[in-house]
Amino acid sequence: MTHHDQELHTERLLGRPPRAQDFSLLRMLHSDPRVTATLSVDGKPFAEDSTRAALDSAVEHWRRHGFGIR
C-alpha cells in the first residue's frame, strides 16, 4: 500500500478525494436497487438531486478540511 498526497493505492483499489467529475459513477451506484437496498434509509434508489447534493457536500468537505470519505 502506498500513500501519495491525498491518494491511497493498494493492489486492487485506488482511494482519492471525490471530484465533481465522479457524478456519473456515483449516479450509477445511487440508481442501482441492489446498492441502495443497504445504502439508503428506505432502501430505494436516490433521486438525482440527492446524488448531486451528496457529491457536492463531500467535495466541499474535502476542500475545507482536507479529509473525508474517499
Foldseek 3Di string as FASTA:
>chain_A
DDDDQAWDDDPPDIDGQADLVCLVVLLVQLQDLVNQCPVPPVSHRDDSVVSNVVRVVSNVCCVVPVDDGD
